[in-house]
Amino acid sequence: DEYFNIAYIFDKDGSYVEHKKTHIFPAAANWQTSEGNT
């Protein structure tokens, strides 16, 4: 029930890791986006 702006890194075998954006730009706050914490 939370929305995150997530960037992915896909490895050669198709697996992936992700980064949840930690700081939301003020103008994008109305997109219901939550902040990641790592």
PDB file of all heavy atoms in Angstrom:
ATOM      1  N   ASP A   1       0.788  -1.237   0.000  1.00  0.00           N
ATOM      2  CA  ASP A   1       0.000   0.000   0.000  1.00  0.00           C
ATOM      3  C   ASP A   1       0.818   1.283   0.000  1.00  0.00           C
ATOM      4  O   ASP A   1       0.304   2.353   0.322  1.00  0.00           O
ATOM      5  CB  ASP A   1      -1.006   0.010   1.163  1.00  0.00           C
ATOM      6  CG  ASP A   1      -2.016  -1.118   1.067  1.00  0.00           C
ATOM      7  OD1 ASP A   1      -2.391  -1.480  -0.069  1.00  0.00           O
ATOM      8  OD2 ASP A   1      -2.423  -1.644   2.117  1.00  0.00           O
ATOM      9  N   GLU A   2       2.106   1.203  -0.320  1.00  0.00           N
ATOM     10  CA  GLU A   2       2.937   2.387  -0.476  1.00  0.00           C
ATOM     11  C   GLU A   2       3.569   2.337  -1.856  1.00  0.00           C
ATOM     12  O   GLU A   2       3.904   1.268  -2.356  1.00  0.00           O
ATOM     13  CB  GLU A   2       4.060   2.427   0.568  1.00  0.00           C
ATOM     14  CG  GLU A   2       3.609   2.691   1.983  1.00  0.00           C
ATOM     15  CD  GLU A   2       4.814   2.812   2.901  1.00  0.00           C
ATOM     16  OE1 GLU A   2       5.351   1.759   3.301  1.00  0.00           O
ATOM     17  OE2 GLU A   2       5.216   3.953   3.191  1.00  0.00           O
ATOM     18  N   TYR A   3       3.748   3.497  -2.465  1.00  0.00           N
ATOM     19  CA  TYR A   3       4.381   3.587  -3.770  1.00  0.00           C
ATOM     20  C   TYR A   3       5.807   4.088  -3.611  1.00  0.00           C
ATOM     21  O   TYR A   3       6.071   5.030  -2.866  1.00  0.00           O
ATOM     22  CB  TYR A   3       3.595   4.518  -4.704  1.00  0.00           C
ATOM     23  CG  TYR A   3       2.290   3.908  -5.115  1.00  0.00           C
ATOM     24  CD1 TYR A   3       1.150   4.082  -4.339  1.00  0.00           C
ATOM     25  CD2 TYR A   3       2.203   3.121  -6.249  1.00  0.00           C
ATOM     26  CE1 TYR A   3      -0.053   3.492  -4.703  1.00  0.00           C
ATOM     27  CE2 TYR A   3       1.002   2.528  -6.621  1.00  0.00           C
ATOM     28  CZ  TYR A   3      -0.117   2.715  -5.839  1.00  0.00           C
ATOM     29  OH  TYR A   3      -1.303   2.116  -6.192  1.00  0.00           O
ATOM     30  N   PHE A   4       6.722   3.421  -4.322  1.00  0.00           N
ATOM     31  CA  PHE A   4       8.140   3.774  -4.276  1.00  0.00           C
ATOM     32  C   PHE A   4       8.640   3.979  -5.691  1.00  0.00           C
ATOM     33  O   PHE A   4       8.239   3.270  -6.615  1.00  0.00           O
ATOM     34  CB  PHE A   4       8.965   2.655  -3.619  1.00  0.00           C
ATOM     35  CG  PHE A   4       8.646   2.433  -2.176  1.00  0.00           C
ATOM     36  CD1 PHE A   4       7.705   1.483  -1.799  1.00  0.00           C
ATOM     37  CD2 PHE A   4       9.284   3.168  -1.185  1.00  0.00           C
ATOM     38  CE1 PHE A   4       7.402   1.262  -0.468  1.00  0.00           C
ATOM     39  CE2 PHE A   4       8.987   2.961   0.147  1.00  0.00           C
ATOM     40  CZ  PHE A   4       8.044   2.008   0.515  1.00  0.00           C
ATOM     41  N   ASN A   5       9.546   4.931  -5.849  1.00  0.00           N
ATOM     42  CA  ASN A   5      10.252   5.130  -7.106  1.00  0.00           C
ATOM     43  C   ASN A   5      11.494   4.241  -7.011  1.00  0.00           C
ATOM     44  O   ASN A   5      12.409   4.533  -6.248  1.00  0.00           O
ATOM     45  CB  ASN A   5      10.621   6.605  -7.268  1.00  0.00           C
ATOM     46  CG  ASN A   5      11.201   6.928  -8.614  1.00  0.00           C
ATOM     47  OD1 ASN A   5      11.486   6.054  -9.422  1.00  0.00           O
ATOM     48  ND2 ASN A   5      11.408   8.210  -8.852  1.00  0.00           N
ATOM     49  N   ILE A   6      11.510   3.148  -7.763  1.00  0.00           N
ATOM     50  CA  ILE A   6      12.543   2.123  -7.607  1.00  0.00           C
ATOM     51  C   ILE A   6      13.371   1.998  -8.883  1.00  0.00           C
ATOM     52  O   ILE A   6      12.841   1.827  -9.975  1.00  0.00           O
ATOM     53  CB  ILE A   6      11.913   0.757  -7.277  1.00  0.00           C
ATOM     54  CG1 ILE A   6      11.068   0.856  -5.999  1.00  0.00           C
ATOM     55  CG2 ILE A   6      12.999  -0.310  -7.128  1.00  0.00           C
ATOM     56  CD1 ILE A   6      10.302  -0.418  -5.660  1.00  0.00           C
ATOM     57  N   ALA A   7      14.694   2.080  -8.707  1.00  0.00           N
ATOM     58  CA  ALA A   7      15.623   1.838  -9.808  1.00  0.00           C
ATOM     59  C   ALA A   7      16.169   0.425  -9.658  1.00  0.00           C
ATOM     60  O   ALA A   7      16.492  -0.011  -8.541  1.00  0.00           O
ATOM     61  CB  ALA A   7      16.765   2.849  -9.778  1.00  0.00           C
ATOM     62  N   TYR A   8      16.275  -0.292 -10.770  1.00  0.00           N
ATOM     63  CA  TYR A   8      16.721  -1.681 -10.749  1.00  0.00           C
ATOM     64  C   TYR A   8      18.046  -1.852 -11.468  1.00  0.00           C
ATOM     65  O   TYR A   8      18.319  -1.181 -12.456  1.00  0.00           O
ATOM     66  CB  TYR A   8      15.686  -2.580 -11.437  1.00  0.00           C
ATOM     67  CG  TYR A   8      14.424  -2.754 -10.640  1.00  0.00           C
ATOM     68  CD1 TYR A   8      13.358  -1.870 -10.789  1.00  0.00           C
ATOM     69  CD2 TYR A   8      14.292  -3.792  -9.736  1.00  0.00           C
ATOM     70  CE1 TYR A   8      12.200  -2.024 -10.054  1.00  0.00           C
ATOM     71  CE2 TYR A   8      13.135  -3.957  -8.999  1.00  0.00           C
ATOM     72  CZ  TYR A   8      12.094  -3.072  -9.152  1.00  0.00           C
ATOM     73  OH  TYR A   8      10.951  -3.234  -8.419  1.00  0.00           O
ATOM     74  N   ILE A   9      18.828  -2.798 -10.970  1.00  0.00           N
ATOM     75  CA  ILE A   9      20.049  -3.240 -11.646  1.00  0.00           C
ATOM     76  C   ILE A   9      19.831  -4.713 -11.965  1.00  0.00           C
ATOM     77  O   ILE A   9      19.688  -5.537 -11.059  1.00  0.00           O
ATOM     78  CB  ILE A   9      21.290  -3.073 -10.755  1.00  0.00           C
ATOM     79  CG1 ILE A   9      21.433  -1.617 -10.308  1.00  0.00           C
ATOM     80  CG2 ILE A   9      22.540  -3.557 -11.494  1.00  0.00           C
ATOM     81  CD1 ILE A   9      22.452  -1.434  -9.195  1.00  0.00           C
ATOM     82  N   PHE A  10      19.775  -5.026 -13.268  1.00  0.00           N
ATOM     83  CA  PHE A  10      19.556  -6.400 -13.715  1.00  0.00           C
ATOM     84  C   PHE A  10      20.903  -7.018 -14.063  1.00  0.00           C
ATOM     85  O   PHE A  10      21.671  -6.470 -14.845  1.00  0.00           O
ATOM     86  CB  PHE A  10      18.630  -6.425 -14.936  1.00  0.00           C
ATOM     87  CG  PHE A  10      17.231  -5.975 -14.605  1.00  0.00           C
ATOM     88  CD1 PHE A  10      16.898  -4.629 -14.630  1.00  0.00           C
ATOM     89  CD2 PHE A  10      16.272  -6.894 -14.248  1.00  0.00           C
ATOM     90  CE1 PHE A  10      15.619  -4.207 -14.313  1.00  0.00           C
ATOM     91  CE2 PHE A  10      14.986  -6.480 -13.917  1.00  0.00           C
ATOM     92  CZ  PHE A  10      14.653  -5.130 -13.952  1.00  0.00           C
ATOM     93  N   ASP A  11      21.181  -8.180 -13.475  1.00  0.00           N
ATOM     94  CA  ASP A  11      22.460  -8.855 -13.704  1.00  0.00           C
ATOM     95  C   ASP A  11      22.383  -9.741 -14.948  1.00  0.00           C
ATOM     96  O   ASP A  11      21.307  -9.987 -15.491  1.00  0.00           O
ATOM     97  CB  ASP A  11      22.846  -9.690 -12.477  1.00  0.00           C
ATOM     98  CG  ASP A  11      24.345  -9.858 -12.334  1.00  0.00           C
ATOM     99  OD1 ASP A  11      25.077  -9.655 -13.322  1.00  0.00           O
ATOM    100  OD2 ASP A  11      24.790 -10.196 -11.225  1.00  0.00           O
ATOM    101  N   LYS A  12      23.532 -10.249 -15.355  1.00  0.00           N
ATOM    102  CA  LYS A  12      23.651 -11.052 -16.583  1.00  0.00           C
ATOM    103  C   LYS A  12      22.769 -12.293 -16.579  1.00  0.00           C
ATOM    104  O   LYS A  12      22.399 -12.802 -17.625  1.00  0.00           O
ATOM    105  CB  LYS A  12      25.102 -11.474 -16.785  1.00  0.00           C
ATOM    106  CG  LYS A  12      26.039 -10.322 -17.003  1.00  0.00           C
ATOM    107  CD  LYS A  12      27.471 -10.803 -17.033  1.00  0.00           C
ATOM    108  CE  LYS A  12      28.426  -9.636 -17.051  1.00  0.00           C
ATOM    109  NZ  LYS A  12      29.814 -10.063 -17.017  1.00  0.00           N
ATOM    110  N   ASP A  13      22.430 -12.792 -15.396  1.00  0.00           N
ATOM    111  CA  ASP A  13      21.591 -13.985 -15.309  1.00  0.00           C
ATOM    112  C   ASP A  13      20.101 -13.652 -15.188  1.00  0.00           C
ATOM    113  O   ASP A  13      19.273 -14.534 -15.002  1.00  0.00           O
ATOM    114  CB  ASP A  13      22.033 -14.857 -14.134  1.00  0.00           C
ATOM    115  CG  ASP A  13      21.871 -14.180 -12.787  1.00  0.00           C
ATOM    116  OD1 ASP A  13      21.412 -13.010 -12.721  1.00  0.00           O
ATOM    117  OD2 ASP A  13      22.216 -14.815 -11.765  1.00  0.00           O
ATOM    118  N   GLY A  14      19.771 -12.361 -15.265  1.00  0.00           N
ATOM    119  CA  GLY A  14      18.375 -11.939 -15.166  1.00  0.00           C
ATOM    120  C   GLY A  14      17.929 -11.591 -13.763  1.00  0.00           C
ATOM    121  O   GLY A  14      16.838 -11.056 -13.580  1.00  0.00           O
ATOM    122  N   SER A  15      18.743 -11.894 -12.768  1.00  0.00           N
ATOM    123  CA  SER A  15      18.388 -11.515 -11.397  1.00  0.00           C
ATOM    124  C   SER A  15      18.545  -9.999 -11.258  1.00  0.00           C
ATOM    125  O   SER A  15      19.133  -9.342 -12.116  1.00  0.00           O
ATOM    126  CB  SER A  15      19.270 -12.241 -10.392  1.00  0.00           C
ATOM    127  OG  SER A  15      20.624 -11.860 -10.556  1.00  0.00           O
ATOM    128  N   TYR A  16      18.008  -9.446 -10.182  1.00  0.00           N
ATOM    129  CA  TYR A  16      18.102  -7.998 -10.028  1.00  0.00           C
ATOM    130  C   TYR A  16      18.153  -7.591  -8.558  1.00  0.00           C
ATOM    131  O   TYR A  16      17.766  -8.344  -7.670  1.00  0.00           O
ATOM    132  CB  TYR A  16      16.937  -7.280 -10.718  1.00  0.00           C
ATOM    133  CG  TYR A  16      15.569  -7.732 -10.264  1.00  0.00           C
ATOM    134  CD1 TYR A  16      14.961  -7.173  -9.140  1.00  0.00           C
ATOM    135  CD2 TYR A  16      14.884  -8.718 -10.956  1.00  0.00           C
ATOM    136  CE1 TYR A  16      13.702  -7.584  -8.726  1.00  0.00           C
ATOM    137  CE2 TYR A  16      13.632  -9.145 -10.557  1.00  0.00           C
ATOM    138  CZ  TYR A  16      13.043  -8.567  -9.443  1.00  0.00           C
ATOM    139  OH  TYR A  16      11.810  -8.986  -9.036  1.00  0.00           O
ATOM    140  N   VAL A  17      18.671  -6.392  -8.364  1.00  0.00           N
ATOM    141  CA  VAL A  17      18.638  -5.720  -7.061  1.00  0.00           C
ATOM    142  C   VAL A  17      17.964  -4.385  -7.307  1.00  0.00           C
ATOM    143  O   VAL A  17      17.817  -3.944  -8.449  1.00  0.00           O
ATOM    144  CB  VAL A  17      20.048  -5.538  -6.446  1.00  0.00           C
ATOM    145  CG1 VAL A  17      20.650  -6.882  -6.070  1.00  0.00           C
ATOM    146  CG2 VAL A  17      20.960  -4.760  -7.362  1.00  0.00           C
ATOM    147  N   GLU A  18      17.544  -3.742  -6.226  1.00  0.00           N
ATOM    148  CA  GLU A  18      16.786  -2.512  -6.384  1.00  0.00           C
ATOM    149  C   GLU A  18      17.246  -1.430  -5.419  1.00  0.00           C
ATOM    150  O   GLU A  18      17.821  -1.716  -4.371  1.00  0.00           O
ATOM    151  CB  GLU A  18      15.303  -2.774  -6.162  1.00  0.00           C
ATOM    152  CG  GLU A  18      14.996  -3.225  -4.745  1.00  0.00           C
ATOM    153  CD  GLU A  18      13.538  -3.592  -4.543  1.00  0.00           C
ATOM    154  OE1 GLU A  18      12.960  -4.259  -5.415  1.00  0.00           O
ATOM    155  OE2 GLU A  18      12.981  -3.201  -3.498  1.00  0.00           O
ATOM    156  N   HIS A  19      16.971  -0.196  -5.819  1.00  0.00           N
ATOM    157  CA  HIS A  19      17.205   0.959  -4.953  1.00  0.00           C
ATOM    158  C   HIS A  19      15.925   1.778  -4.901  1.00  0.00           C
ATOM    159  O   HIS A  19      15.459   2.281  -5.929  1.00  0.00           O
ATOM    160  CB  HIS A  19      18.348   1.826  -5.488  1.00  0.00           C
ATOM    161  CG  HIS A  19      18.411   3.169  -4.832  1.00  0.00           C
ATOM    162  ND1 HIS A  19      18.778   3.328  -3.512  1.00  0.00           N
ATOM    163  CD2 HIS A  19      18.123   4.409  -5.291  1.00  0.00           C
ATOM    164  CE1 HIS A  19      18.725   4.607  -3.192  1.00  0.00           C
ATOM    165  NE2 HIS A  19      18.332   5.290  -4.264  1.00  0.00           N
ATOM    166  N   LYS A  20      15.349   1.912  -3.709  1.00  0.00           N
ATOM    167  CA  LYS A  20      14.176   2.764  -3.523  1.00  0.00           C
ATOM    168  C   LYS A  20      14.666   4.185  -3.257  1.00  0.00           C
ATOM    169  O   LYS A  20      15.455   4.415  -2.339  1.00  0.00           O
ATOM    170  CB  LYS A  20      13.346   2.292  -2.329  1.00  0.00           C
ATOM    171  CG  LYS A  20      12.666   0.969  -2.527  1.00  0.00           C
ATOM    172  CD  LYS A  20      11.922   0.564  -1.268  1.00  0.00           C
ATOM    173  CE  LYS A  20      11.302  -0.798  -1.435  1.00  0.00           C
ATOM    174  NZ  LYS A  20      10.808  -1.328  -0.153  1.00  0.00           N
ATOM    175  N   LYS A  21      14.184   5.119  -4.057  1.00  0.00           N
ATOM    176  CA  LYS A  21      14.579   6.518  -3.922  1.00  0.00           C
ATOM    177  C   LYS A  21      14.338   6.987  -2.485  1.00  0.00           C
ATOM    178  O   LYS A  21      13.257   6.796  -1.932  1.00  0.00           O
ATOM    179  CB  LYS A  21      13.783   7.367  -4.910  1.00  0.00           C
ATOM    180  CG  LYS A  21      14.195   8.812  -4.965  1.00  0.00           C
ATOM    181  CD  LYS A  21      13.435   9.522  -6.077  1.00  0.00           C
ATOM    182  CE  LYS A  21      13.816  10.977  -6.161  1.00  0.00           C
ATOM    183  NZ  LYS A  21      13.068  11.657  -7.236  1.00  0.00           N
ATOM    184  N   THR A  22      15.363   7.600  -1.895  1.00  0.00           N
ATOM    185  CA  THR A  22      15.310   7.976  -0.477  1.00  0.00           C
ATOM    186  C   THR A  22      14.835   9.398  -0.209  1.00  0.00           C
ATOM    187  O   THR A  22      14.467   9.705   0.920  1.00  0.00           O
ATOM    188  CB  THR A  22      16.700   7.811   0.170  1.00  0.00           C
ATOM    189  OG1 THR A  22      17.617   8.681  -0.487  1.00  0.00           O
ATOM    190  CG2 THR A  22      17.166   6.368   0.106  1.00  0.00           C
ATOM    191  N   HIS A  23      14.887  10.267  -1.202  1.00  0.00           N
ATOM    192  CA  HIS A  23      14.462  11.658  -1.031  1.00  0.00           C
ATOM    193  C   HIS A  23      13.522  12.018  -2.178  1.00  0.00           C
ATOM    194  O   HIS A  23      13.928  12.018  -3.334  1.00  0.00           O
ATOM    195  CB  HIS A  23      15.663  12.608  -1.043  1.00  0.00           C
ATOM    196  CG  HIS A  23      16.540  12.488   0.147  1.00  0.00           C
ATOM    197  ND1 HIS A  23      17.364  11.403   0.361  1.00  0.00           N
ATOM    198  CD2 HIS A  23      16.710  13.313   1.203  1.00  0.00           C
ATOM    199  CE1 HIS A  23      18.008  11.574   1.507  1.00  0.00           C
ATOM    200  NE2 HIS A  23      17.641  12.727   2.029  1.00  0.00           N
ATOM    201  N   ILE A  24      12.281  12.332  -1.843  1.00  0.00           N
ATOM    202  CA  ILE A  24      11.275  12.651  -2.849  1.00  0.00           C
ATOM    203  C   ILE A  24      11.313  14.154  -3.131  1.00  0.00           C
ATOM    204  O   ILE A  24      11.265  14.971  -2.209  1.00  0.00           O
ATOM    205  CB  ILE A  24       9.862  12.238  -2.364  1.00  0.00           C
ATOM    206  CG1 ILE A  24       9.829  10.752  -1.987  1.00  0.00           C
ATOM    207  CG2 ILE A  24       8.804  12.575  -3.413  1.00  0.00           C
ATOM    208  CD1 ILE A  24      10.269   9.792  -3.056  1.00  0.00           C
ATOM    209  N   PHE A  25      11.395  14.503  -4.392  1.00  0.00           N
ATOM    210  CA  PHE A  25      11.371  15.907  -4.800  1.00  0.00           C
ATOM    211  C   PHE A  25      10.038  16.507  -4.366  1.00  0.00           C
ATOM    212  O   PHE A  25       8.993  15.891  -4.555  1.00  0.00           O
ATOM    213  CB  PHE A  25      11.551  16.003  -6.324  1.00  0.00           C
ATOM    214  CG  PHE A  25      11.683  17.398  -6.830  1.00  0.00           C
ATOM    215  CD1 PHE A  25      12.806  18.157  -6.522  1.00  0.00           C
ATOM    216  CD2 PHE A  25      10.684  17.965  -7.615  1.00  0.00           C
ATOM    217  CE1 PHE A  25      12.944  19.448  -6.991  1.00  0.00           C
ATOM    218  CE2 PHE A  25      10.815  19.254  -8.097  1.00  0.00           C
ATOM    219  CZ  PHE A  25      11.941  20.002  -7.778  1.00  0.00           C
ATOM    220  N   PRO A  26      10.045  17.683  -3.760  1.00  0.00           N
ATOM    221  CA  PRO A  26       8.792  18.251  -3.230  1.00  0.00           C
ATOM    222  C   PRO A  26       7.640  18.292  -4.226  1.00  0.00           C
ATOM    223  O   PRO A  26       6.500  17.985  -3.866  1.00  0.00           O
ATOM    224  CB  PRO A  26       9.207  19.666  -2.792  1.00  0.00           C
ATOM    225  CG  PRO A  26      10.656  19.524  -2.454  1.00  0.00           C
ATOM    226  CD  PRO A  26      11.201  18.522  -3.450  1.00  0.00           C
ATOM    227  N   ALA A  27       7.897  18.627  -5.486  1.00  0.00           N
ATOM    228  CA  ALA A  27       6.821  18.703  -6.475  1.00  0.00           C
ATOM    229  C   ALA A  27       6.237  17.333  -6.798  1.00  0.00           C
ATOM    230  O   ALA A  27       5.124  17.231  -7.296  1.00  0.00           O
ATOM    231  CB  ALA A  27       7.322  19.373  -7.747  1.00  0.00           C
ATOM    232  N   ALA A  28       6.970  16.261  -6.529  1.00  0.00           N
ATOM    233  CA  ALA A  28       6.486  14.905  -6.808  1.00  0.00           C
ATOM    234  C   ALA A  28       5.777  14.290  -5.600  1.00  0.00           C
ATOM    235  O   ALA A  28       5.301  13.163  -5.676  1.00  0.00           O
ATOM    236  CB  ALA A  28       7.650  14.019  -7.230  1.00  0.00           C
ATOM    237  N   ALA A  29       5.691  15.026  -4.526  1.00  0.00           N
ATOM    238  CA  ALA A  29       5.071  14.493  -3.309  1.00  0.00           C
ATOM    239  C   ALA A  29       3.607  14.117  -3.529  1.00  0.00           C
ATOM    240  O   ALA A  29       3.101  13.199  -2.887  1.00  0.00           O
ATOM    241  CB  ALA A  29       5.202  15.494  -2.164  1.00  0.00           C
ATOM    242  N   ASN A  30       2.923  14.795  -4.453  1.00  0.00           N
ATOM    243  CA  ASN A  30       1.506  14.475  -4.693  1.00  0.00           C
ATOM    244  C   ASN A  30       1.321  13.197  -5.500  1.00  0.00           C
ATOM    245  O   ASN A  30       0.212  12.847  -5.849  1.00  0.00           O
ATOM    246  CB  ASN A  30       0.794  15.655  -5.364  1.00  0.00           C
ATOM    247  CG  ASN A  30       1.334  15.957  -6.736  1.00  0.00           C
ATOM    248  OD1 ASN A  30       2.374  15.446  -7.142  1.00  0.00           O
ATOM    249  ND2 ASN A  30       0.623  16.806  -7.468  1.00  0.00           N
ATOM    250  N   TRP A  31       2.417  12.489  -5.804  1.00  0.00           N
ATOM    251  CA  TRP A  31       2.324  11.220  -6.507  1.00  0.00           C
ATOM    252  C   TRP A  31       2.136  10.056  -5.539  1.00  0.00           C
ATOM    253  O   TRP A  31       2.246   8.904  -5.922  1.00  0.00           O
ATOM    254  CB  TRP A  31       3.580  10.970  -7.336  1.00  0.00           C
ATOM    255  CG  TRP A  31       3.771  11.907  -8.475  1.00  0.00           C
ATOM    256  CD1 TRP A  31       2.926  12.867  -8.930  1.00  0.00           C
ATOM    257  CD2 TRP A  31       4.916  11.952  -9.325  1.00  0.00           C
ATOM    258  NE1 TRP A  31       3.468  13.509 -10.002  1.00  0.00           N
ATOM    259  CE2 TRP A  31       4.689  12.974 -10.264  1.00  0.00           C
ATOM    260  CE3 TRP A  31       6.106  11.230  -9.369  1.00  0.00           C
ATOM    261  CZ2 TRP A  31       5.615  13.284 -11.246  1.00  0.00           C
ATOM    262  CZ3 TRP A  31       7.009  11.549 -10.352  1.00  0.00           C
ATOM    263  CH2 TRP A  31       6.772  12.558 -11.281  1.00  0.00           C
ATOM    264  N   GLN A  32       1.916  10.342  -4.270  1.00  0.00           N
ATOM    265  CA  GLN A  32       1.727   9.315  -3.236  1.00  0.00           C
ATOM    266  C   GLN A  32       2.975   8.458  -3.068  1.00  0.00           C
ATOM    267  O   GLN A  32       2.890   7.281  -2.731  1.00  0.00           O
ATOM    268  CB  GLN A  32       0.532   8.424  -3.569  1.00  0.00           C
ATOM    269  CG  GLN A  32      -0.772   9.183  -3.759  1.00  0.00           C
ATOM    270  CD  GLN A  32      -1.896   8.276  -4.186  1.00  0.00           C
ATOM    271  OE1 GLN A  32      -1.974   7.125  -3.765  1.00  0.00           O
ATOM    272  NE2 GLN A  32      -2.778   8.777  -5.017  1.00  0.00           N
ATOM    273  N   THR A  33       4.147   9.032  -3.298  1.00  0.00           N
ATOM    274  CA  THR A  33       5.389   8.275  -3.259  1.00  0.00           C
ATOM    275  C   THR A  33       6.004   8.307  -1.866  1.00  0.00           C
ATOM    276  O   THR A  33       6.121   9.358  -1.258  1.00  0.00           O
ATOM    277  CB  THR A  33       6.401   8.853  -4.277  1.00  0.00           C
ATOM    278  OG1 THR A  33       5.747   8.960  -5.536  1.00  0.00           O
ATOM    279  CG2 THR A  33       7.604   7.963  -4.417  1.00  0.00           C
ATOM    280  N   SER A  34       6.413   7.147  -1.390  1.00  0.00           N
ATOM    281  CA  SER A  34       7.098   7.029  -0.103  1.00  0.00           C
ATOM    282  C   SER A  34       8.605   6.980  -0.336  1.00  0.00           C
ATOM    283  O   SER A  34       9.062   6.652  -1.429  1.00  0.00           O
ATOM    284  CB  SER A  34       6.667   5.736   0.609  1.00  0.00           C
ATOM    285  OG  SER A  34       5.284   5.779   0.881  1.00  0.00           O
ATOM    286  N   GLU A  35       9.353   7.267   0.704  1.00  0.00           N
ATOM    287  CA  GLU A  35      10.807   7.252   0.606  1.00  0.00           C
ATOM    288  C   GLU A  35      11.380   5.925   1.080  1.00  0.00           C
ATOM    289  O   GLU A  35      10.924   5.371   2.074  1.00  0.00           O
ATOM    290  CB  GLU A  35      11.405   8.381   1.445  1.00  0.00           C
ATOM    291  CG  GLU A  35      11.025   9.747   0.923  1.00  0.00           C
ATOM    292  CD  GLU A  35      11.578  10.885   1.751  1.00  0.00           C
ATOM    293  OE1 GLU A  35      11.793  10.715   2.966  1.00  0.00           O
ATOM    294  OE2 GLU A  35      11.796  11.971   1.172  1.00  0.00           O
ATOM    295  N   GLY A  36      12.398   5.453   0.360  1.00  0.00           N
ATOM    296  CA  GLY A  36      13.146   4.292   0.806  1.00  0.00           C
ATOM    297  C   GLY A  36      14.084   4.715   1.929  1.00  0.00           C
ATOM    298  O   GLY A  36      14.225   5.906   2.215  1.00  0.00           O
ATOM    299  N   ASN A  37      14.756   3.754   2.563  1.00  0.00           N
ATOM    300  CA  ASN A  37      15.619   4.120   3.691  1.00  0.00           C
ATOM    301  C   ASN A  37      16.983   3.439   3.670  1.00  0.00           C
ATOM    302  O   ASN A  37      17.640   3.374   4.707  1.00  0.00           O
ATOM    303  CB  ASN A  37      14.908   3.854   5.018  1.00  0.00           C
ATOM    304  CG  ASN A  37      14.508   2.411   5.182  1.00  0.00           C
ATOM    305  OD1 ASN A  37      14.907   1.553   4.390  1.00  0.00           O
ATOM    306  ND2 ASN A  37      13.718   2.123   6.202  1.00  0.00           N
ATOM    307  N   THR A  38      17.405   2.929   2.517  1.00  0.00           N
ATOM    308  CA  THR A  38      18.729   2.306   2.461  1.00  0.00           C
ATOM    309  C   THR A  38      19.508   2.801   1.253  1.00  0.00           C
ATOM    310  O   THR A  38      18.938   3.122   0.212  1.00  0.00           O
ATOM    311  CB  THR A  38      18.631   0.757   2.383  1.00  0.00           C
ATOM    312  OG1 THR A  38      17.905   0.405   1.206  1.00  0.00           O
ATOM    313  CG2 THR A  38      17.953   0.172   3.602  1.00  0.00           C
TER     314      THR A  38
END
